[in-house]
Amino acid sequence: MTIIIAFISQKGGVGKSTLARALAREISLGGINVKIADLDTQQGTCVDWQRVRLNEKILPSISVEAFSNAEQALKISHLHDLFIIDGPARTSKATLEIAKNANLIIQPTGASVDDLKPAIKEFHALFKAGISKNKLFFALNRIGTDAEDAECRRYINDAGYNILKGYLPERPAYRQSQNMGYSIIETPYKGLQLKAQILIQSIVDNIHDS
């Protein structure tokens, strides 16, 4: 049975592709058949990253394919054990279709209210449309301090949604690693690697619970 994990966002640049790539790398290590479906046709972030990774001969190799829409991607999802959807840069009508078919829907968000308010509204809209809150998770990204992490968690908890364990701090090393075809769990800095691994492991744990 195929597991579908969808990364969505109300706006671009919040970390969808970052998490999608790291999850794919983690799961691929176990020899599981994984594909990333890149639905952001304008940016093609995951597709470009895969090209660099292939050129640098980084293992494990990650299967990535661009799709023009969610329907096209979902048609081939059954061919893979884990199908990771890197959604469009902004939510659209396709977001609900993706959410209906996904086992988990993960929405990365930063710490500012400008990030949190629209992100929570997006989950409210999905819940109102019939998506179970048990499938909806926030991932905290670009967090400055543990205190800021705790404040974000209070805000999201008050809204009634799940939050993945851990968070990604704002660090240039994550960007540098991805620029070279690596994922955030392949950075040479052990402390940053550990923080990323905690967050990715939380996704894996919730796959098992779904």
Protein backbone atom coordinates (compact mmCIF):
# COMPACT_ATOMS: atom_id res chain seq x y z
CA MET A 1 0.00 0.00 0.00
CA THR A 2 1.33 3.41 -0.99
CA ILE A 3 1.84 6.06 1.69
CA ILE A 4 1.34 9.63 0.45
CA ILE A 5 2.93 12.53 2.32
CA ALA A 6 2.02 16.02 1.10
CA PHE A 7 3.92 19.20 1.86
CA ILE A 8 1.75 22.25 1.30
CA SER A 9 1.99 25.94 2.04
CA GLN A 10 -0.08 29.07 1.89
CA LYS A 11 2.94 30.90 0.43
CA GLY A 12 6.32 30.07 -1.04
CA GLY A 13 9.68 29.90 0.68
CA VAL A 14 8.57 28.25 3.92
CA GLY A 15 10.49 24.96 3.58
CA LYS A 16 8.29 22.49 1.69
CA SER A 17 11.01 21.34 -0.65
CA THR A 18 13.59 21.29 2.13
CA LEU A 19 11.55 18.80 4.14
CA ALA A 20 10.43 16.77 1.11
CA ARG A 21 14.04 16.19 0.05
CA ALA A 22 15.20 15.26 3.54
CA LEU A 23 12.33 12.81 4.04
CA ALA A 24 13.00 11.19 0.66
CA ARG A 25 16.67 10.77 1.47
CA GLU A 26 15.94 9.28 4.91
CA ILE A 27 13.41 6.75 3.62
CA SER A 28 15.51 5.86 0.55
CA LEU A 29 18.30 4.64 2.83
CA GLY A 30 16.11 1.68 3.75
CA GLY A 31 15.76 0.58 0.14
CA ILE A 32 12.13 1.70 -0.01
CA ASN A 33 10.74 2.86 -3.37
CA VAL A 34 10.32 6.62 -2.92
CA LYS A 35 9.39 9.35 -5.39
CA ILE A 36 9.07 13.11 -4.97
CA ALA A 37 6.37 14.67 -7.12
CA ASP A 38 7.35 18.29 -7.74
CA LEU A 39 4.17 20.26 -8.43
CA ASP A 40 5.82 23.67 -8.36
CA THR A 41 6.25 23.98 -12.12
CA GLN A 42 7.53 27.56 -11.92
CA GLN A 43 10.33 26.88 -9.45
CA GLY A 44 11.05 23.16 -9.93
CA THR A 45 13.14 23.24 -6.76
CA CYS A 46 13.24 19.48 -6.17
CA VAL A 47 13.90 18.72 -9.83
CA ASP A 48 16.86 21.13 -9.90
CA TRP A 49 18.19 19.69 -6.62
CA GLN A 50 18.00 16.14 -7.99
CA ARG A 51 19.97 17.19 -11.07
CA VAL A 52 22.78 18.55 -8.90
CA ARG A 53 22.69 15.42 -6.72
CA LEU A 54 23.00 13.17 -9.77
CA ASN A 55 25.84 15.23 -11.21
CA GLU A 56 27.72 14.99 -7.91
CA LYS A 57 27.01 11.22 -7.71
CA ILE A 58 25.56 11.53 -4.21
CA LEU A 59 23.96 8.38 -2.84
CA PRO A 60 21.29 7.32 -2.34
CA SER A 61 19.89 8.66 -5.59
CA ILE A 62 16.45 10.21 -5.20
CA SER A 63 13.67 9.84 -7.77
CA VAL A 64 12.05 13.19 -8.56
CA GLU A 65 9.55 14.02 -11.28
CA ALA A 66 7.76 17.23 -12.23
CA PHE A 67 3.99 17.21 -12.70
CA SER A 68 1.77 19.97 -14.02
CA ASN A 69 -1.08 19.17 -11.64
CA ALA A 70 -2.09 17.00 -8.69
CA GLU A 71 -4.32 14.69 -10.70
CA GLN A 72 -1.45 13.77 -12.99
CA ALA A 73 0.83 13.02 -10.05
CA LEU A 74 -1.70 10.98 -8.10
CA LYS A 75 -2.31 8.69 -11.10
CA ILE A 76 1.14 7.16 -10.71
CA SER A 77 1.38 7.27 -6.90
CA HIS A 78 0.50 3.56 -6.61
CA LEU A 79 3.77 2.63 -8.30
CA HIS A 80 5.75 3.66 -5.22
CA ASP A 81 5.93 2.70 -1.55
CA LEU A 82 6.22 6.32 -0.43
CA PHE A 83 4.96 9.14 -2.65
CA ILE A 84 6.02 12.59 -1.49
CA ILE A 85 4.15 15.56 -2.93
CA ASP A 86 5.95 18.90 -2.94
CA GLY A 87 2.90 21.07 -3.50
CA PRO A 88 2.60 24.32 -5.43
CA ALA A 89 4.14 27.45 -3.93
CA ARG A 90 0.69 28.61 -2.87
CA THR A 91 -2.47 26.79 -2.01
CA SER A 92 -5.02 26.28 -4.75
CA LYS A 93 -8.00 24.11 -5.61
CA ALA A 94 -5.53 21.25 -6.03
CA THR A 95 -4.59 21.47 -2.35
CA LEU A 96 -7.86 19.89 -1.25
CA GLU A 97 -7.48 17.10 -3.82
CA ILE A 98 -3.97 16.42 -2.53
CA ALA A 99 -5.16 16.49 1.09
CA LYS A 100 -7.97 14.02 0.43
CA ASN A 101 -5.50 11.49 -0.96
CA ALA A 102 -2.63 12.01 1.49
CA ASN A 103 -1.94 10.07 4.67
CA LEU A 104 -0.22 13.10 6.19
CA ILE A 105 -0.38 16.77 5.22
CA ILE A 106 2.54 18.83 6.50
CA GLN A 107 2.61 22.61 6.39
CA PRO A 108 5.93 24.29 7.27
CA THR A 109 5.72 27.66 8.96
CA GLY A 110 8.01 30.29 10.38
CA ALA A 111 7.66 31.99 13.75
CA SER A 112 6.10 35.29 12.77
CA VAL A 113 2.38 35.93 13.05
CA ASP A 114 2.52 36.83 9.35
CA ASP A 115 3.45 33.20 8.71
CA LEU A 116 1.31 31.55 11.38
CA LYS A 117 -2.03 33.27 10.77
CA PRO A 118 -2.43 32.35 7.08
CA ALA A 119 -1.05 28.86 7.73
CA ILE A 120 -3.66 28.20 10.41
CA LYS A 121 -6.37 29.61 8.15
CA GLU A 122 -5.29 27.12 5.49
CA PHE A 123 -5.68 24.20 7.89
CA HIS A 124 -9.02 25.61 9.05
CA ALA A 125 -10.16 25.55 5.42
CA LEU A 126 -9.04 21.95 4.94
CA PHE A 127 -10.71 20.86 8.17
CA LYS A 128 -13.92 22.60 7.16
CA ALA A 129 -13.73 20.71 3.84
CA GLY A 130 -13.65 17.39 5.69
CA ILE A 131 -9.95 16.68 6.23
CA SER A 132 -9.29 15.09 9.62
CA LYS A 133 -7.10 17.06 12.01
CA ASN A 134 -5.26 13.80 12.68
CA LYS A 135 -3.69 14.16 9.21
CA LEU A 136 -2.69 17.82 9.57
CA PHE A 137 0.73 18.69 11.00
CA PHE A 138 2.79 21.84 11.27
CA ALA A 139 6.58 21.79 10.88
CA LEU A 140 8.49 24.68 12.45
CA ASN A 141 11.17 26.18 10.23
CA ARG A 142 13.58 29.11 10.49
CA ILE A 143 13.16 29.35 14.25
CA GLY A 144 15.55 31.59 16.17
CA THR A 145 15.53 30.21 19.72
CA ASP A 146 13.98 27.54 21.93
CA ALA A 147 11.80 30.28 23.45
CA GLU A 148 10.50 31.19 19.99
CA ASP A 149 9.83 27.51 19.34
CA ALA A 150 7.79 27.27 22.54
CA GLU A 151 5.81 30.39 21.65
CA CYS A 152 4.97 28.99 18.20
CA ARG A 153 3.82 25.74 19.75
CA ARG A 154 1.48 27.55 22.13
CA TYR A 155 0.01 29.51 19.25
CA ILE A 156 -0.58 26.40 17.13
CA ASN A 157 -1.83 24.32 20.07
CA ASP A 158 -4.40 27.02 20.82
CA ALA A 159 -5.62 26.64 17.23
CA GLY A 160 -6.02 22.89 17.78
CA TYR A 161 -3.45 21.43 15.38
CA ASN A 162 -0.61 18.90 15.57
CA ILE A 163 3.04 19.96 15.51
CA LEU A 164 6.00 17.79 14.58
CA LYS A 165 8.76 17.37 17.15
CA GLY A 166 11.81 19.57 16.78
CA TYR A 167 12.41 22.55 14.53
CA LEU A 168 14.84 23.85 11.94
CA PRO A 169 16.86 26.86 13.05
CA GLU A 170 17.75 29.58 10.58
CA ARG A 171 21.26 28.58 9.46
CA PRO A 172 23.16 29.19 6.18
CA ALA A 173 24.64 25.67 6.42
CA TYR A 174 21.28 24.13 5.51
CA ARG A 175 21.08 26.21 2.34
CA GLN A 176 24.69 25.48 1.45
CA SER A 177 24.15 21.74 1.78
CA GLN A 178 21.10 21.81 -0.46
CA ASN A 179 22.87 23.98 -3.03
CA MET A 180 25.41 21.15 -3.38
CA GLY A 181 22.78 18.42 -3.81
CA TYR A 182 22.63 17.26 -0.22
CA SER A 183 19.67 17.35 2.15
CA ILE A 184 19.48 19.05 5.54
CA ILE A 185 20.23 15.73 7.25
CA GLU A 186 23.48 15.50 5.28
CA THR A 187 25.05 18.74 6.46
CA PRO A 188 28.59 18.26 7.87
CA TYR A 189 27.64 20.09 11.08
CA LYS A 190 26.55 17.45 13.59
CA GLY A 191 24.44 19.79 15.73
CA LEU A 192 22.43 21.02 12.77
CA GLN A 193 22.20 17.50 11.38
CA LEU A 194 20.73 16.29 14.68
CA LYS A 195 18.11 19.05 14.74
CA ALA A 196 17.05 18.16 11.21
CA GLN A 197 16.97 14.45 12.01
CA ILE A 198 14.64 15.00 14.99
CA LEU A 199 12.15 16.79 12.73
CA ILE A 200 12.36 14.21 9.94
CA GLN A 201 12.09 11.33 12.40
CA SER A 202 8.90 12.89 13.73
CA ILE A 203 7.43 12.66 10.23
CA VAL A 204 8.49 9.00 10.00
CA ASP A 205 6.95 8.26 13.40
CA ASN A 206 3.65 9.77 12.34
CA ILE A 207 3.66 7.76 9.12
CA HIS A 208 3.67 4.66 11.28
CA ASP A 209 0.80 6.07 13.35
CA SER A 210 -1.34 7.04 10.36
